[in-house]
Amino acid sequence: MKEQSLGEFEELVLLMVAAQHDEAYGVSILEGLEDKLEKSLNISAIHVVLKRMEDKGFVKSRFGGITGERGGRRKKFYVITALGKRMLDQQYTLRTGIYQQIPKISFG
């Protein structure tokens, strides 16, 4: 079986899904990331990543109820799975380990 991987943008989207626990949907993820990154993102990019991560088993989705404010369309909510959380933990361990290898020298 091929080992799963997580790209940088996927990691950011997955972190936002986890942070918004059970209330994460496309626009809320987009707004959360734009706020943190202080730059504009494309909603299509968010949806592509969510679909890819759902296929990998990192997130799962459910539809919310129909509301008038969305013209009768339902929101698709996402939650992180146990596999997704393990991937985030692996990324954190990898990044922290490399960061801790930075020599204690002055950069000024």
C-alpha atoms as a PDB file:
ATOM      1  CA  MET A   1       0.000   0.000   0.000  1.00  0.00           C
ATOM      2  CA  LYS A   2       1.288   3.433  -0.963  1.00  0.00           C
ATOM      3  CA  GLU A   3       2.122   5.694   1.965  1.00  0.00           C
ATOM      4  CA  GLN A   4      -0.161   8.707   2.251  1.00  0.00           C
ATOM      5  CA  SER A   5       1.303  12.175   2.052  1.00  0.00           C
ATOM      6  CA  LEU A   6       0.110  15.654   2.856  1.00  0.00           C
ATOM      7  CA  GLY A   7       1.030  18.708   0.785  1.00  0.00           C
ATOM      8  CA  GLU A   8       1.583  22.122   2.353  1.00  0.00           C
ATOM      9  CA  PHE A   9      -1.778  23.564   1.252  1.00  0.00           C
ATOM     10  CA  GLU A  10      -3.545  20.343   2.233  1.00  0.00           C
ATOM     11  CA  GLU A  11      -1.952  20.640   5.673  1.00  0.00           C
ATOM     12  CA  LEU A  12      -3.272  24.186   6.087  1.00  0.00           C
ATOM     13  CA  VAL A  13      -6.787  23.207   5.002  1.00  0.00           C
ATOM     14  CA  LEU A  14      -6.721  20.148   7.271  1.00  0.00           C
ATOM     15  CA  LEU A  15      -5.582  22.282  10.205  1.00  0.00           C
ATOM     16  CA  MET A  16      -8.481  24.681   9.585  1.00  0.00           C
ATOM     17  CA  VAL A  17     -10.960  21.777   9.362  1.00  0.00           C
ATOM     18  CA  ALA A  18      -9.665  20.484  12.694  1.00  0.00           C
ATOM     19  CA  ALA A  19      -9.768  23.958  14.281  1.00  0.00           C
ATOM     20  CA  GLN A  20     -13.375  24.511  13.185  1.00  0.00           C
ATOM     21  CA  HIS A  21     -14.432  21.068  14.457  1.00  0.00           C
ATOM     22  CA  ASP A  22     -17.739  19.957  12.910  1.00  0.00           C
ATOM     23  CA  GLU A  23     -18.529  23.495  11.681  1.00  0.00           C
ATOM     24  CA  ALA A  24     -16.035  23.572   8.797  1.00  0.00           C
ATOM     25  CA  TYR A  25     -17.382  24.138   5.284  1.00  0.00           C
ATOM     26  CA  GLY A  26     -15.830  25.598   2.133  1.00  0.00           C
ATOM     27  CA  VAL A  27     -16.409  29.287   2.800  1.00  0.00           C
ATOM     28  CA  SER A  28     -15.585  29.095   6.531  1.00  0.00           C
ATOM     29  CA  ILE A  29     -12.312  27.341   5.718  1.00  0.00           C
ATOM     30  CA  LEU A  30     -11.534  29.921   3.020  1.00  0.00           C
ATOM     31  CA  GLU A  31     -12.235  32.846   5.357  1.00  0.00           C
ATOM     32  CA  GLY A  32     -10.251  31.277   8.184  1.00  0.00           C
ATOM     33  CA  LEU A  33      -7.215  30.716   5.979  1.00  0.00           C
ATOM     34  CA  GLU A  34      -7.430  34.154   4.369  1.00  0.00           C
ATOM     35  CA  ASP A  35      -7.508  35.705   7.821  1.00  0.00           C
ATOM     36  CA  LYS A  36      -4.479  33.746   9.039  1.00  0.00           C
ATOM     37  CA  LEU A  37      -2.461  34.029   5.816  1.00  0.00           C
ATOM     38  CA  GLU A  38      -3.515  37.627   5.119  1.00  0.00           C
ATOM     39  CA  LYS A  39      -4.021  36.950   1.426  1.00  0.00           C
ATOM     40  CA  SER A  40      -6.841  36.031  -0.948  1.00  0.00           C
ATOM     41  CA  LEU A  41      -7.415  32.406  -1.857  1.00  0.00           C
ATOM     42  CA  ASN A  42      -9.631  30.695  -4.424  1.00  0.00           C
ATOM     43  CA  ILE A  43     -12.679  28.777  -3.143  1.00  0.00           C
ATOM     44  CA  SER A  44     -12.208  26.243  -5.946  1.00  0.00           C
ATOM     45  CA  ALA A  45      -8.756  25.410  -4.601  1.00  0.00           C
ATOM     46  CA  ILE A  46     -10.293  24.736  -1.173  1.00  0.00           C
ATOM     47  CA  HIS A  47     -12.946  22.431  -2.669  1.00  0.00           C
ATOM     48  CA  VAL A  48     -10.377  20.524  -4.743  1.00  0.00           C
ATOM     49  CA  VAL A  49      -8.237  19.934  -1.654  1.00  0.00           C
ATOM     50  CA  LEU A  50     -11.246  18.868   0.434  1.00  0.00           C
ATOM     51  CA  LYS A  51     -12.278  16.348  -2.244  1.00  0.00           C
ATOM     52  CA  ARG A  52      -8.734  14.968  -2.483  1.00  0.00           C
ATOM     53  CA  MET A  53      -8.410  14.672   1.295  1.00  0.00           C
ATOM     54  CA  GLU A  54     -11.803  12.979   1.544  1.00  0.00           C
ATOM     55  CA  ASP A  55     -10.614  10.443  -1.048  1.00  0.00           C
ATOM     56  CA  LYS A  56      -7.477   9.874   1.061  1.00  0.00           C
ATOM     57  CA  GLY A  57      -9.583   9.414   4.201  1.00  0.00           C
ATOM     58  CA  PHE A  58      -8.228  12.483   6.024  1.00  0.00           C
ATOM     59  CA  VAL A  59     -11.661  14.144   6.303  1.00  0.00           C
ATOM     60  CA  LYS A  60     -15.254  13.026   6.070  1.00  0.00           C
ATOM     61  CA  SER A  61     -18.256  15.118   5.132  1.00  0.00           C
ATOM     62  CA  ARG A  62     -21.957  15.433   5.791  1.00  0.00           C
ATOM     63  CA  PHE A  63     -24.626  17.705   4.405  1.00  0.00           C
ATOM     64  CA  GLY A  64     -26.365  20.234   6.651  1.00  0.00           C
ATOM     65  CA  GLY A  65     -30.022  21.180   6.390  1.00  0.00           C
ATOM     66  CA  ILE A  66     -31.550  23.237   3.599  1.00  0.00           C
ATOM     67  CA  THR A  67     -31.688  26.943   4.382  1.00  0.00           C
ATOM     68  CA  GLY A  68     -33.365  29.817   2.595  1.00  0.00           C
ATOM     69  CA  GLU A  69     -30.251  31.996   2.816  1.00  0.00           C
ATOM     70  CA  ARG A  70     -28.426  29.629   0.432  1.00  0.00           C
ATOM     71  CA  GLY A  71     -31.291  29.403  -2.046  1.00  0.00           C
ATOM     72  CA  GLY A  72     -32.245  25.928  -0.918  1.00  0.00           C
ATOM     73  CA  ARG A  73     -28.726  24.526  -1.203  1.00  0.00           C
ATOM     74  CA  ARG A  74     -27.203  22.618   1.680  1.00  0.00           C
ATOM     75  CA  LYS A  75     -23.772  23.247   3.190  1.00  0.00           C
ATOM     76  CA  LYS A  76     -21.292  20.396   3.132  1.00  0.00           C
ATOM     77  CA  PHE A  77     -19.543  20.188   6.488  1.00  0.00           C
ATOM     78  CA  TYR A  78     -16.179  18.507   7.049  1.00  0.00           C
ATOM     79  CA  VAL A  79     -14.555  16.888  10.074  1.00  0.00           C
ATOM     80  CA  ILE A  80     -11.071  15.508  10.435  1.00  0.00           C
ATOM     81  CA  THR A  81     -10.747  11.723  10.756  1.00  0.00           C
ATOM     82  CA  ALA A  82      -8.378   9.790  13.032  1.00  0.00           C
ATOM     83  CA  LEU A  83      -6.145   9.181   9.983  1.00  0.00           C
ATOM     84  CA  GLY A  84      -6.150  12.916   9.218  1.00  0.00           C
ATOM     85  CA  LYS A  85      -5.159  13.707  12.807  1.00  0.00           C
ATOM     86  CA  ARG A  86      -2.301  11.177  12.614  1.00  0.00           C
ATOM     87  CA  MET A  87      -1.087  12.867   9.408  1.00  0.00           C
ATOM     88  CA  LEU A  88      -1.129  16.266  11.130  1.00  0.00           C
ATOM     89  CA  ASP A  89       0.766  14.793  14.080  1.00  0.00           C
ATOM     90  CA  GLN A  90       3.399  13.325  11.729  1.00  0.00           C
ATOM     91  CA  GLN A  91       3.786  16.662   9.932  1.00  0.00           C
ATOM     92  CA  TYR A  92       4.142  18.483  13.249  1.00  0.00           C
ATOM     93  CA  THR A  93       6.780  16.030  14.479  1.00  0.00           C
ATOM     94  CA  LEU A  94       8.712  16.270  11.201  1.00  0.00           C
ATOM     95  CA  ARG A  95       8.657  20.065  11.078  1.00  0.00           C
ATOM     96  CA  THR A  96       9.479  20.470  14.772  1.00  0.00           C
ATOM     97  CA  GLY A  97      12.368  18.014  14.494  1.00  0.00           C
ATOM     98  CA  ILE A  98      13.890  19.894  11.562  1.00  0.00           C
ATOM     99  CA  TYR A  99      13.295  23.270  13.236  1.00  0.00           C
ATOM    100  CA  GLN A 100      15.117  22.079  16.354  1.00  0.00           C
ATOM    101  CA  GLN A 101      18.157  21.235  14.211  1.00  0.00           C
ATOM    102  CA  ILE A 102      18.680  24.891  13.340  1.00  0.00           C
ATOM    103  CA  PRO A 103      22.027  25.871  14.867  1.00  0.00           C
ATOM    104  CA  LYS A 104      21.952  28.364  17.720  1.00  0.00           C
ATOM    105  CA  ILE A 105      23.660  31.176  15.844  1.00  0.00           C
ATOM    106  CA  SER A 106      22.841  34.823  15.481  1.00  0.00           C
ATOM    107  CA  PHE A 107      20.880  35.778  12.401  1.00  0.00           C
ATOM    108  CA  GLY A 108      21.094  39.511  13.116  1.00  0.00           C
END
